[in-house]
Amino acid sequence: MITAALAFAVAALIVNVVPGLDTFLVLRTSVAQGRSQGLAAALGIMAGCAVWGLATAVGLTALLTASHVAYNVVRVCGAAYLVWLGATALWHARRKGEVEHPEPVVAAGWRAAFRAGVGTNLLNPKAGVFYMSLVPQFMPHGAPVFGTTILFTAIDVVELAVWFWLVSGAAAAMGERLRRPSFRRRMEQLSGVAFLGFAANLLADRP
């Protein structure tokens, strides 16, 4: 079990540090709203991962690949949510551009950041497929499926916690530059385009 857990930890770490939607959301939130909100978004993502891990442990994620309808419903809802995030970011950037003396960006709030993290993760069927496809590959022969899946999920969540802590810290460490209205406006513009790109990618995906 120890060998299997270590092997899974290495594989999950590689997947976690590859730039993707979750890392981008934490980075963007940390830049635009501060590190506390960035960590709130990270907590929401980790909560979503915990739900996916539990669903995998009881066999629910198998429905995503067994049923094209279930997969497509989650996929389309996730893409719609990302389009909404992208459009909102672009609208905020436009509104800031209309202000002669822009004020510092007001934090959207811890709860809003947490909801964004949960939403982007739970509405991404690829997250469920990740657990369903990766966990069985490292499952020791004869090991209890439920307990082992929960263990692997916990390992993944801990790794994400460390990674997101580093990402949010790096964003905060950039200091004064991130507090310039012009830089934040540009960040919102890039974020809007990126969210729309993630939405397009999700719509193009097939189970």
N, C-alpha and C. Protein backbone atom coordinates (compact mmCIF):
# COMPACT_ATOMS: atom_id res chain seq x y z
N MET A 1 0.83 -1.21 0.00
CA MET A 1 0.00 0.00 0.00
C MET A 1 0.86 1.26 0.00
N ILE A 2 1.96 1.25 0.76
CA ILE A 2 2.83 2.41 0.82
C ILE A 2 3.43 2.70 -0.55
N THR A 3 3.88 1.63 -1.22
CA THR A 3 4.45 1.80 -2.56
C THR A 3 3.43 2.35 -3.53
N ALA A 4 2.21 1.83 -3.47
CA ALA A 4 1.14 2.29 -4.36
C ALA A 4 0.79 3.75 -4.08
N ALA A 5 0.74 4.11 -2.80
CA ALA A 5 0.41 5.48 -2.44
C ALA A 5 1.48 6.46 -2.92
N LEU A 6 2.75 6.06 -2.80
CA LEU A 6 3.84 6.92 -3.25
C LEU A 6 3.81 7.07 -4.77
N ALA A 7 3.53 5.98 -5.46
CA ALA A 7 3.46 6.04 -6.92
C ALA A 7 2.32 6.95 -7.37
N PHE A 8 1.18 6.81 -6.69
CA PHE A 8 0.04 7.68 -7.02
C PHE A 8 0.38 9.14 -6.74
N ALA A 9 1.06 9.39 -5.63
CA ALA A 9 1.42 10.76 -5.26
C ALA A 9 2.28 11.41 -6.34
N VAL A 10 3.21 10.66 -6.88
CA VAL A 10 4.08 11.21 -7.93
C VAL A 10 3.27 11.50 -9.19
N ALA A 11 2.42 10.55 -9.59
CA ALA A 11 1.60 10.75 -10.79
C ALA A 11 0.65 11.93 -10.62
N ALA A 12 0.00 12.02 -9.46
CA ALA A 12 -0.94 13.12 -9.21
C ALA A 12 -0.22 14.46 -9.18
N LEU A 13 1.00 14.47 -8.62
CA LEU A 13 1.76 15.71 -8.55
C LEU A 13 2.07 16.25 -9.94
N ILE A 14 2.44 15.35 -10.84
CA ILE A 14 2.74 15.77 -12.21
C ILE A 14 1.51 16.40 -12.85
N VAL A 15 0.36 15.77 -12.64
CA VAL A 15 -0.89 16.29 -13.21
C VAL A 15 -1.25 17.63 -12.57
N ASN A 16 -1.07 17.75 -11.27
CA ASN A 16 -1.49 18.94 -10.54
C ASN A 16 -0.69 20.18 -10.92
N VAL A 17 0.61 20.03 -11.18
CA VAL A 17 1.45 21.21 -11.45
C VAL A 17 1.42 21.62 -12.92
N VAL A 18 0.83 20.78 -13.78
CA VAL A 18 0.68 21.18 -15.18
C VAL A 18 -0.37 22.30 -15.24
N PRO A 19 -0.03 23.45 -15.84
CA PRO A 19 -0.97 24.58 -15.87
C PRO A 19 -2.32 24.18 -16.47
N GLY A 20 -3.37 24.52 -15.75
CA GLY A 20 -4.72 24.20 -16.20
C GLY A 20 -5.71 25.18 -15.61
N LEU A 21 -6.99 24.86 -15.74
CA LEU A 21 -8.05 25.76 -15.29
C LEU A 21 -7.96 26.04 -13.80
N ASP A 22 -7.75 25.01 -12.97
CA ASP A 22 -7.72 25.21 -11.52
C ASP A 22 -6.59 26.14 -11.10
N THR A 23 -5.39 25.88 -11.62
CA THR A 23 -4.24 26.73 -11.28
C THR A 23 -4.48 28.15 -11.77
N PHE A 24 -5.02 28.28 -12.98
CA PHE A 24 -5.29 29.61 -13.52
C PHE A 24 -6.28 30.38 -12.65
N LEU A 25 -7.32 29.70 -12.19
CA LEU A 25 -8.33 30.36 -11.36
C LEU A 25 -7.73 30.88 -10.07
N VAL A 26 -6.89 30.06 -9.42
CA VAL A 26 -6.25 30.50 -8.17
C VAL A 26 -5.31 31.67 -8.44
N LEU A 27 -4.53 31.59 -9.51
CA LEU A 27 -3.61 32.67 -9.85
C LEU A 27 -4.35 33.96 -10.16
N ARG A 28 -5.37 33.86 -10.97
CA ARG A 28 -6.14 35.05 -11.35
C ARG A 28 -6.83 35.68 -10.15
N THR A 29 -7.43 34.85 -9.30
CA THR A 29 -8.12 35.37 -8.13
C THR A 29 -7.15 36.02 -7.16
N SER A 30 -5.97 35.42 -7.00
CA SER A 30 -4.96 35.99 -6.10
C SER A 30 -4.48 37.34 -6.60
N VAL A 31 -4.32 37.47 -7.92
CA VAL A 31 -3.86 38.72 -8.51
C VAL A 31 -4.92 39.81 -8.40
N ALA A 32 -6.16 39.46 -8.76
CA ALA A 32 -7.22 40.46 -8.84
C ALA A 32 -7.83 40.82 -7.50
N GLN A 33 -7.88 39.86 -6.56
CA GLN A 33 -8.62 40.07 -5.33
C GLN A 33 -7.80 39.87 -4.06
N GLY A 34 -6.58 39.41 -4.19
CA GLY A 34 -5.76 39.20 -3.00
C GLY A 34 -5.57 37.73 -2.68
N ARG A 35 -4.56 37.46 -1.86
CA ARG A 35 -4.22 36.07 -1.59
C ARG A 35 -5.30 35.34 -0.81
N SER A 36 -5.98 36.02 0.10
CA SER A 36 -7.01 35.34 0.89
C SER A 36 -8.12 34.81 0.00
N GLN A 37 -8.53 35.62 -1.00
CA GLN A 37 -9.55 35.15 -1.93
C GLN A 37 -9.00 34.06 -2.85
N GLY A 38 -7.72 34.16 -3.20
CA GLY A 38 -7.11 33.11 -4.00
C GLY A 38 -7.11 31.78 -3.27
N LEU A 39 -6.83 31.82 -1.98
CA LEU A 39 -6.85 30.60 -1.18
C LEU A 39 -8.28 30.10 -1.00
N ALA A 40 -9.24 31.01 -0.96
CA ALA A 40 -10.64 30.60 -0.87
C ALA A 40 -11.05 29.85 -2.14
N ALA A 41 -10.62 30.35 -3.29
CA ALA A 41 -10.89 29.65 -4.54
C ALA A 41 -10.22 28.28 -4.53
N ALA A 42 -9.00 28.22 -4.02
CA ALA A 42 -8.28 26.95 -3.92
C ALA A 42 -9.03 25.97 -3.02
N LEU A 43 -9.57 26.47 -1.92
CA LEU A 43 -10.33 25.62 -1.01
C LEU A 43 -11.58 25.07 -1.70
N GLY A 44 -12.21 25.91 -2.52
CA GLY A 44 -13.37 25.45 -3.27
C GLY A 44 -13.00 24.36 -4.25
N ILE A 45 -11.87 24.52 -4.93
CA ILE A 45 -11.39 23.49 -5.86
C ILE A 45 -11.12 22.18 -5.13
N MET A 46 -10.47 22.28 -3.97
CA MET A 46 -10.16 21.07 -3.20
C MET A 46 -11.44 20.40 -2.69
N ALA A 47 -12.44 21.21 -2.35
CA ALA A 47 -13.72 20.64 -1.93
C ALA A 47 -14.36 19.88 -3.09
N GLY A 48 -14.25 20.45 -4.30
CA GLY A 48 -14.76 19.76 -5.47
C GLY A 48 -14.03 18.45 -5.72
N CYS A 49 -12.70 18.46 -5.55
CA CYS A 49 -11.91 17.24 -5.72
C CYS A 49 -12.33 16.17 -4.71
N ALA A 50 -12.60 16.61 -3.48
CA ALA A 50 -13.04 15.66 -2.45
C ALA A 50 -14.37 15.02 -2.84
N VAL A 51 -15.27 15.82 -3.43
CA VAL A 51 -16.56 15.28 -3.88
C VAL A 51 -16.35 14.28 -5.01
N TRP A 52 -15.49 14.62 -5.97
CA TRP A 52 -15.20 13.70 -7.07
C TRP A 52 -14.57 12.41 -6.55
N GLY A 53 -13.67 12.55 -5.57
CA GLY A 53 -13.04 11.36 -5.00
C GLY A 53 -14.04 10.46 -4.31
N LEU A 54 -14.97 11.07 -3.56
CA LEU A 54 -16.01 10.29 -2.89
C LEU A 54 -16.93 9.63 -3.91
N ALA A 55 -17.25 10.37 -4.98
CA ALA A 55 -18.10 9.80 -6.03
C ALA A 55 -17.41 8.62 -6.70
N THR A 56 -16.10 8.73 -6.87
CA THR A 56 -15.35 7.62 -7.45
C THR A 56 -15.35 6.41 -6.52
N ALA A 57 -15.22 6.68 -5.23
CA ALA A 57 -15.18 5.59 -4.25
C ALA A 57 -16.46 4.78 -4.24
N VAL A 58 -17.59 5.42 -4.52
CA VAL A 58 -18.87 4.70 -4.52
C VAL A 58 -19.33 4.33 -5.92
N GLY A 59 -18.49 4.64 -6.92
CA GLY A 59 -18.77 4.21 -8.29
C GLY A 59 -19.61 5.15 -9.12
N LEU A 60 -19.88 6.36 -8.64
CA LEU A 60 -20.76 7.27 -9.39
C LEU A 60 -20.09 7.87 -10.61
N THR A 61 -18.76 8.08 -10.55
CA THR A 61 -18.10 8.71 -11.69
C THR A 61 -18.11 7.82 -12.93
N ALA A 62 -18.35 6.53 -12.73
CA ALA A 62 -18.44 5.63 -13.89
C ALA A 62 -19.58 6.04 -14.82
N LEU A 63 -20.57 6.76 -14.27
CA LEU A 63 -21.68 7.21 -15.09
C LEU A 63 -21.24 8.21 -16.15
N LEU A 64 -20.17 8.95 -15.87
CA LEU A 64 -19.71 9.97 -16.81
C LEU A 64 -19.22 9.36 -18.11
N THR A 65 -18.60 8.20 -18.02
CA THR A 65 -18.11 7.55 -19.24
C THR A 65 -19.13 6.56 -19.78
N ALA A 66 -19.95 6.00 -18.90
CA ALA A 66 -20.96 5.03 -19.35
C ALA A 66 -22.13 5.73 -20.04
N SER A 67 -22.41 6.97 -19.64
CA SER A 67 -23.54 7.70 -20.20
C SER A 67 -23.06 8.97 -20.90
N HIS A 68 -23.23 9.02 -22.21
CA HIS A 68 -22.87 10.22 -22.96
C HIS A 68 -23.74 11.41 -22.53
N VAL A 69 -24.98 11.12 -22.19
CA VAL A 69 -25.89 12.19 -21.78
C VAL A 69 -25.40 12.85 -20.50
N ALA A 70 -25.04 12.03 -19.49
CA ALA A 70 -24.56 12.58 -18.22
C ALA A 70 -23.29 13.40 -18.42
N TYR A 71 -22.37 12.86 -19.21
CA TYR A 71 -21.11 13.57 -19.47
C TYR A 71 -21.37 14.90 -20.17
N ASN A 72 -22.24 14.87 -21.19
CA ASN A 72 -22.50 16.08 -21.95
C ASN A 72 -23.24 17.13 -21.15
N VAL A 73 -24.12 16.71 -20.26
CA VAL A 73 -24.83 17.67 -19.40
C VAL A 73 -23.83 18.42 -18.52
N VAL A 74 -22.94 17.68 -17.87
CA VAL A 74 -21.93 18.33 -17.02
C VAL A 74 -21.01 19.19 -17.87
N ARG A 75 -20.62 18.69 -19.05
CA ARG A 75 -19.70 19.41 -19.92
C ARG A 75 -20.29 20.74 -20.39
N VAL A 76 -21.53 20.72 -20.83
CA VAL A 76 -22.17 21.94 -21.33
C VAL A 76 -22.40 22.93 -20.19
N CYS A 77 -22.82 22.44 -19.04
CA CYS A 77 -23.02 23.33 -17.88
C CYS A 77 -21.69 23.96 -17.46
N GLY A 78 -20.64 23.17 -17.48
CA GLY A 78 -19.32 23.69 -17.14
C GLY A 78 -18.86 24.75 -18.12
N ALA A 79 -19.07 24.50 -19.41
CA ALA A 79 -18.68 25.47 -20.43
C ALA A 79 -19.48 26.76 -20.27
N ALA A 80 -20.77 26.64 -19.98
CA ALA A 80 -21.61 27.83 -19.79
C ALA A 80 -21.13 28.65 -18.59
N TYR A 81 -20.73 27.96 -17.53
CA TYR A 81 -20.23 28.66 -16.35
C TYR A 81 -18.93 29.39 -16.67
N LEU A 82 -18.05 28.77 -17.45
CA LEU A 82 -16.79 29.40 -17.82
C LEU A 82 -17.02 30.60 -18.74
N VAL A 83 -18.02 30.50 -19.62
CA VAL A 83 -18.36 31.64 -20.47
C VAL A 83 -18.83 32.80 -19.61
N TRP A 84 -19.63 32.49 -18.59
CA TRP A 84 -20.10 33.54 -17.68
C TRP A 84 -18.93 34.19 -16.95
N LEU A 85 -17.97 33.38 -16.47
CA LEU A 85 -16.80 33.94 -15.79
C LEU A 85 -15.99 34.81 -16.75
N GLY A 86 -15.82 34.34 -18.00
CA GLY A 86 -15.06 35.11 -18.97
C GLY A 86 -15.73 36.42 -19.32
N ALA A 87 -17.04 36.38 -19.55
CA ALA A 87 -17.78 37.59 -19.89
C ALA A 87 -17.76 38.59 -18.73
N THR A 88 -17.85 38.07 -17.51
CA THR A 88 -17.81 38.95 -16.33
C THR A 88 -16.46 39.63 -16.21
N ALA A 89 -15.38 38.88 -16.44
CA ALA A 89 -14.03 39.47 -16.37
C ALA A 89 -13.85 40.55 -17.43
N LEU A 90 -14.32 40.30 -18.64
CA LEU A 90 -14.19 41.29 -19.71
C LEU A 90 -15.04 42.52 -19.41
N TRP A 91 -16.21 42.32 -18.83
CA TRP A 91 -17.06 43.46 -18.48
C TRP A 91 -16.40 44.30 -17.39
N HIS A 92 -15.81 43.66 -16.40
CA HIS A 92 -15.12 44.40 -15.34
C HIS A 92 -13.95 45.20 -15.91
N ALA A 93 -13.22 44.60 -16.85
CA ALA A 93 -12.09 45.29 -17.47
C ALA A 93 -12.57 46.52 -18.24
N ARG A 94 -13.69 46.38 -18.93
CA ARG A 94 -14.24 47.50 -19.69
C ARG A 94 -14.71 48.62 -18.77
N ARG A 95 -15.36 48.25 -17.67
CA ARG A 95 -15.85 49.26 -16.72
C ARG A 95 -14.69 50.01 -16.09
N LYS A 96 -13.60 49.30 -15.76
CA LYS A 96 -12.44 49.96 -15.16
C LYS A 96 -11.80 50.92 -16.15
N GLY A 97 -11.86 50.55 -17.45
CA GLY A 97 -11.26 51.41 -18.45
C GLY A 97 -12.01 52.72 -18.62
N GLU A 98 -13.28 52.77 -18.19
CA GLU A 98 -14.08 53.97 -18.32
C GLU A 98 -13.87 54.93 -17.16
N VAL A 99 -13.19 54.48 -16.11
CA VAL A 99 -12.97 55.32 -14.93
C VAL A 99 -11.68 56.09 -15.09
N GLU A 100 -11.72 57.39 -14.92
CA GLU A 100 -10.54 58.22 -15.12
C GLU A 100 -9.48 57.90 -14.09
N HIS A 101 -9.87 57.72 -12.84
CA HIS A 101 -8.93 57.39 -11.76
C HIS A 101 -9.43 56.11 -11.10
N PRO A 102 -9.06 54.97 -11.66
CA PRO A 102 -9.58 53.69 -11.14
C PRO A 102 -9.20 53.48 -9.70
N GLU A 103 -10.15 52.98 -8.95
CA GLU A 103 -9.91 52.62 -7.56
C GLU A 103 -9.36 51.20 -7.51
N PRO A 104 -8.66 50.83 -6.42
CA PRO A 104 -8.21 49.45 -6.29
C PRO A 104 -9.38 48.48 -6.38
N VAL A 105 -9.13 47.33 -6.96
CA VAL A 105 -10.18 46.34 -7.11
C VAL A 105 -10.68 45.90 -5.75
N VAL A 106 -12.00 45.93 -5.58
CA VAL A 106 -12.60 45.51 -4.32
C VAL A 106 -12.75 43.99 -4.33
N ALA A 107 -12.35 43.38 -3.25
CA ALA A 107 -12.44 41.92 -3.18
C ALA A 107 -13.88 41.47 -3.32
N ALA A 108 -14.08 40.47 -4.16
CA ALA A 108 -15.43 39.97 -4.39
C ALA A 108 -15.96 39.21 -3.19
N GLY A 109 -15.08 38.84 -2.31
CA GLY A 109 -15.52 38.14 -1.12
C GLY A 109 -15.06 36.70 -1.09
N TRP A 110 -14.81 36.23 0.11
CA TRP A 110 -14.32 34.87 0.31
C TRP A 110 -15.32 33.85 -0.21
N ARG A 111 -16.61 34.07 0.06
CA ARG A 111 -17.62 33.10 -0.36
C ARG A 111 -17.73 33.03 -1.88
N ALA A 112 -17.65 34.18 -2.54
CA ALA A 112 -17.73 34.19 -4.00
C ALA A 112 -16.56 33.45 -4.61
N ALA A 113 -15.37 33.65 -4.07
CA ALA A 113 -14.18 32.96 -4.57
C ALA A 113 -14.29 31.46 -4.34
N PHE A 114 -14.80 31.08 -3.17
CA PHE A 114 -14.99 29.66 -2.87
C PHE A 114 -15.98 29.03 -3.84
N ARG A 115 -17.09 29.73 -4.10
CA ARG A 115 -18.09 29.21 -5.03
C ARG A 115 -17.52 29.05 -6.43
N ALA A 116 -16.68 29.99 -6.84
CA ALA A 116 -16.06 29.89 -8.16
C ALA A 116 -15.18 28.65 -8.24
N GLY A 117 -14.43 28.39 -7.17
CA GLY A 117 -13.59 27.19 -7.15
C GLY A 117 -14.39 25.91 -7.21
N VAL A 118 -15.45 25.84 -6.42
CA VAL A 118 -16.31 24.65 -6.42
C VAL A 118 -16.97 24.48 -7.78
N GLY A 119 -17.49 25.58 -8.33
CA GLY A 119 -18.22 25.50 -9.59
C GLY A 119 -17.34 25.04 -10.74
N THR A 120 -16.15 25.63 -10.88
CA THR A 120 -15.29 25.26 -12.00
C THR A 120 -14.81 23.82 -11.89
N ASN A 121 -14.69 23.31 -10.69
CA ASN A 121 -14.22 21.93 -10.52
C ASN A 121 -15.34 20.92 -10.71
N LEU A 122 -16.47 21.12 -10.03
CA LEU A 122 -17.56 20.15 -10.11
C LEU A 122 -18.24 20.15 -11.48
N LEU A 123 -18.17 21.27 -12.21
CA LEU A 123 -18.78 21.31 -13.54
C LEU A 123 -17.79 20.96 -14.64
N ASN A 124 -16.66 20.40 -14.24
CA ASN A 124 -15.67 19.94 -15.22
C ASN A 124 -15.63 18.41 -15.18
N PRO A 125 -16.25 17.73 -16.14
CA PRO A 125 -16.29 16.26 -16.09
C PRO A 125 -14.91 15.63 -16.18
N LYS A 126 -13.92 16.38 -16.69
CA LYS A 126 -12.57 15.84 -16.78
C LYS A 126 -12.01 15.56 -15.39
N ALA A 127 -12.46 16.33 -14.40
CA ALA A 127 -11.99 16.09 -13.03
C ALA A 127 -12.47 14.74 -12.53
N GLY A 128 -13.72 14.42 -12.83
CA GLY A 128 -14.25 13.11 -12.43
C GLY A 128 -13.57 11.98 -13.16
N VAL A 129 -13.34 12.17 -14.46
CA VAL A 129 -12.67 11.14 -15.26
C VAL A 129 -11.24 10.94 -14.77
N PHE A 130 -10.60 12.02 -14.31
CA PHE A 130 -9.24 11.92 -13.78
C PHE A 130 -9.18 10.91 -12.63
N TYR A 131 -10.09 11.05 -11.68
CA TYR A 131 -10.09 10.13 -10.53
C TYR A 131 -10.44 8.72 -10.96
N MET A 132 -11.45 8.61 -11.83
CA MET A 132 -11.91 7.29 -12.21
C MET A 132 -10.86 6.53 -13.02
N SER A 133 -10.07 7.26 -13.81
CA SER A 133 -9.08 6.60 -14.67
C SER A 133 -7.74 6.40 -13.97
N LEU A 134 -7.36 7.32 -13.08
CA LEU A 134 -6.03 7.24 -12.47
C LEU A 134 -5.99 6.35 -11.24
N VAL A 135 -7.00 6.47 -10.37
CA VAL A 135 -6.99 5.71 -9.12
C VAL A 135 -6.88 4.20 -9.33
N PRO A 136 -7.68 3.59 -10.22
CA PRO A 136 -7.60 2.13 -10.39
C PRO A 136 -6.21 1.64 -10.83
N GLN A 137 -5.45 2.49 -11.53
CA GLN A 137 -4.14 2.07 -12.00
C GLN A 137 -3.16 1.82 -10.86
N PHE A 138 -3.40 2.44 -9.71
CA PHE A 138 -2.48 2.31 -8.58
C PHE A 138 -3.10 1.53 -7.42
N MET A 139 -4.28 0.98 -7.67
CA MET A 139 -4.97 0.23 -6.63
C MET A 139 -4.27 -1.12 -6.39
N PRO A 140 -3.74 -1.36 -5.18
CA PRO A 140 -3.09 -2.65 -4.90
C PRO A 140 -4.09 -3.80 -5.01
N HIS A 141 -3.62 -4.94 -5.45
CA HIS A 141 -4.49 -6.10 -5.58
C HIS A 141 -5.05 -6.51 -4.22
N GLY A 142 -6.37 -6.64 -4.15
CA GLY A 142 -7.01 -7.06 -2.91
C GLY A 142 -7.28 -5.93 -1.93
N ALA A 143 -6.86 -4.70 -2.26
CA ALA A 143 -7.07 -3.58 -1.34
C ALA A 143 -8.54 -3.14 -1.38
N PRO A 144 -9.07 -2.66 -0.27
CA PRO A 144 -10.46 -2.18 -0.26
C PRO A 144 -10.61 -0.96 -1.17
N VAL A 145 -11.54 -1.02 -2.09
CA VAL A 145 -11.69 0.03 -3.09
C VAL A 145 -12.06 1.36 -2.44
N PHE A 146 -13.05 1.34 -1.56
CA PHE A 146 -13.52 2.60 -0.97
C PHE A 146 -12.40 3.27 -0.15
N GLY A 147 -11.80 2.53 0.76
CA GLY A 147 -10.78 3.11 1.62
C GLY A 147 -9.56 3.58 0.85
N THR A 148 -9.13 2.81 -0.15
CA THR A 148 -7.96 3.18 -0.93
C THR A 148 -8.24 4.43 -1.77
N THR A 149 -9.44 4.50 -2.34
CA THR A 149 -9.81 5.67 -3.14
C THR A 149 -9.83 6.92 -2.28
N ILE A 150 -10.37 6.82 -1.07
CA ILE A 150 -10.39 7.97 -0.16
C ILE A 150 -8.96 8.37 0.22
N LEU A 151 -8.09 7.39 0.44
CA LEU A 151 -6.69 7.68 0.76
C LEU A 151 -6.02 8.42 -0.38
N PHE A 152 -6.20 7.94 -1.60
CA PHE A 152 -5.59 8.59 -2.76
C PHE A 152 -6.16 9.99 -2.97
N THR A 153 -7.45 10.14 -2.73
CA THR A 153 -8.07 11.46 -2.85
C THR A 153 -7.45 12.43 -1.84
N ALA A 154 -7.25 11.95 -0.62
CA ALA A 154 -6.64 12.80 0.42
C ALA A 154 -5.22 13.21 0.02
N ILE A 155 -4.48 12.29 -0.57
CA ILE A 155 -3.12 12.60 -1.03
C ILE A 155 -3.17 13.70 -2.09
N ASP A 156 -4.09 13.56 -3.03
CA ASP A 156 -4.23 14.55 -4.09
C ASP A 156 -4.61 15.91 -3.55
N VAL A 157 -5.54 15.95 -2.60
CA VAL A 157 -5.99 17.21 -2.03
C VAL A 157 -4.86 17.90 -1.25
N VAL A 158 -4.07 17.13 -0.53
CA VAL A 158 -2.94 17.70 0.21
C VAL A 158 -1.92 18.30 -0.77
N GLU A 159 -1.65 17.59 -1.85
CA GLU A 159 -0.72 18.12 -2.85
C GLU A 159 -1.25 19.41 -3.46
N LEU A 160 -2.54 19.44 -3.74
CA LEU A 160 -3.15 20.65 -4.29
C LEU A 160 -3.05 21.81 -3.30
N ALA A 161 -3.24 21.51 -2.01
CA ALA A 161 -3.16 22.55 -1.00
C ALA A 161 -1.78 23.20 -1.00
N VAL A 162 -0.74 22.39 -1.07
CA VAL A 162 0.63 22.91 -1.09
C VAL A 162 0.87 23.70 -2.37
N TRP A 163 0.45 23.15 -3.50
CA TRP A 163 0.67 23.80 -4.79
C TRP A 163 -0.05 25.14 -4.86
N PHE A 164 -1.32 25.18 -4.44
CA PHE A 164 -2.07 26.42 -4.50
C PHE A 164 -1.54 27.46 -3.50
N TRP A 165 -1.00 26.98 -2.39
CA TRP A 165 -0.37 27.90 -1.43
C TRP A 165 0.82 28.60 -2.09
N LEU A 166 1.60 27.83 -2.83
CA LEU A 166 2.77 28.40 -3.52
C LEU A 166 2.34 29.34 -4.64
N VAL A 167 1.32 28.96 -5.39
CA VAL A 167 0.85 29.79 -6.50
C VAL A 167 0.30 31.12 -6.00
N SER A 168 -0.55 31.07 -4.97
CA SER A 168 -1.12 32.30 -4.43
C SER A 168 -0.04 33.17 -3.80
N GLY A 169 0.94 32.53 -3.17
CA GLY A 169 2.04 33.28 -2.56
C GLY A 169 2.89 33.97 -3.61
N ALA A 170 3.15 33.28 -4.73
CA ALA A 170 3.94 33.88 -5.81
C ALA A 170 3.22 35.08 -6.40
N ALA A 171 1.89 34.98 -6.54
CA ALA A 171 1.13 36.10 -7.08
C ALA A 171 1.18 37.29 -6.13
N ALA A 172 1.04 37.03 -4.83
CA ALA A 172 1.07 38.10 -3.84
C ALA A 172 2.45 38.73 -3.74
N ALA A 173 3.50 37.92 -3.97
CA ALA A 173 4.87 38.42 -3.84
C ALA A 173 5.24 39.42 -4.92
N MET A 174 4.46 39.48 -5.99
CA MET A 174 4.76 40.43 -7.05
C MET A 174 4.48 41.87 -6.61
N GLY A 175 3.75 41.99 -5.51
CA GLY A 175 3.63 43.27 -4.81
C GLY A 175 2.98 44.40 -5.56
N GLU A 176 3.66 45.52 -5.58
CA GLU A 176 3.08 46.77 -6.05
C GLU A 176 2.58 46.70 -7.48
N ARG A 177 3.27 45.96 -8.31
CA ARG A 177 2.86 45.91 -9.70
C ARG A 177 1.44 45.39 -9.86
N LEU A 178 1.08 44.44 -9.02
CA LEU A 178 -0.27 43.87 -9.10
C LEU A 178 -1.34 44.83 -8.64
N ARG A 179 -0.94 45.87 -7.91
CA ARG A 179 -1.93 46.81 -7.41
C ARG A 179 -2.15 47.99 -8.36
N ARG A 180 -1.43 48.03 -9.47
CA ARG A 180 -1.65 49.09 -10.45
C ARG A 180 -2.95 48.82 -11.21
N PRO A 181 -3.83 49.82 -11.30
CA PRO A 181 -5.10 49.61 -12.01
C PRO A 181 -4.91 49.15 -13.45
N SER A 182 -3.90 49.68 -14.14
CA SER A 182 -3.69 49.30 -15.53
C SER A 182 -3.33 47.83 -15.65
N PHE A 183 -2.51 47.35 -14.71
CA PHE A 183 -2.12 45.93 -14.75
C PHE A 183 -3.31 45.05 -14.43
N ARG A 184 -4.12 45.45 -13.46
CA ARG A 184 -5.29 44.65 -13.10
C ARG A 184 -6.31 44.64 -14.24
N ARG A 185 -6.45 45.76 -14.94
CA ARG A 185 -7.37 45.80 -16.06
C ARG A 185 -6.91 44.84 -17.16
N ARG A 186 -5.60 44.84 -17.42
CA ARG A 186 -5.06 43.92 -18.42
C ARG A 186 -5.23 42.47 -17.97
N MET A 187 -5.08 42.24 -16.68
CA MET A 187 -5.25 40.88 -16.15
C MET A 187 -6.68 40.41 -16.33
N GLU A 188 -7.65 41.31 -16.11
CA GLU A 188 -9.04 40.95 -16.29
C GLU A 188 -9.33 40.62 -17.76
N GLN A 189 -8.73 41.38 -18.67
CA GLN A 189 -8.92 41.12 -20.09
C GLN A 189 -8.36 39.76 -20.48
N LEU A 190 -7.14 39.47 -20.03
CA LEU A 190 -6.53 38.18 -20.32
C LEU A 190 -7.31 37.04 -19.67
N SER A 191 -7.82 37.29 -18.47
CA SER A 191 -8.60 36.27 -17.78
C SER A 191 -9.88 35.95 -18.54
N GLY A 192 -10.54 37.01 -19.02
CA GLY A 192 -11.77 36.79 -19.77
C GLY A 192 -11.54 35.94 -21.01
N VAL A 193 -10.49 36.27 -21.75
CA VAL A 193 -10.17 35.49 -22.95
C VAL A 193 -9.81 34.06 -22.59
N ALA A 194 -9.03 33.89 -21.50
CA ALA A 194 -8.62 32.55 -21.08
C ALA A 194 -9.82 31.70 -20.67
N PHE A 195 -10.74 32.27 -19.90
CA PHE A 195 -11.94 31.53 -19.49
C PHE A 195 -12.76 31.10 -20.71
N LEU A 196 -12.88 31.99 -21.69
CA LEU A 196 -13.61 31.64 -22.90
C LEU A 196 -12.88 30.53 -23.66
N GLY A 197 -11.55 30.55 -23.62
CA GLY A 197 -10.78 29.49 -24.26
C GLY A 197 -10.98 28.15 -23.57
N PHE A 198 -10.99 28.17 -22.24
CA PHE A 198 -11.25 26.94 -21.49
C PHE A 198 -12.66 26.40 -21.81
N ALA A 199 -13.62 27.31 -21.96
CA ALA A 199 -14.99 26.91 -22.30
C ALA A 199 -15.04 26.24 -23.65
N ALA A 200 -14.35 26.83 -24.64
CA ALA A 200 -14.31 26.25 -25.98
C ALA A 200 -13.67 24.87 -25.97
N ASN A 201 -12.60 24.74 -25.19
CA ASN A 201 -11.92 23.45 -25.08
C ASN A 201 -12.82 22.40 -24.48
N LEU A 202 -13.59 22.81 -23.45
CA LEU A 202 -14.50 21.87 -22.80
C LEU A 202 -15.63 21.45 -23.74
N LEU A 203 -16.14 22.40 -24.53
CA LEU A 203 -17.20 22.08 -25.48
C LEU A 203 -16.70 21.13 -26.58
N ALA A 204 -15.43 21.28 -26.94
CA ALA A 204 -14.86 20.45 -27.99
C ALA A 204 -14.53 19.04 -27.50
N ASP A 205 -14.49 18.88 -26.17
CA ASP A 205 -14.12 17.57 -25.61
C ASP A 205 -15.26 16.58 -25.81
N ARG A 206 -14.89 15.33 -25.96
CA ARG A 206 -15.88 14.27 -26.11
C ARG A 206 -15.55 13.14 -25.14
N PRO A 207 -16.57 12.48 -24.57
CA PRO A 207 -16.32 11.39 -23.62
C PRO A 207 -15.66 10.20 -24.31
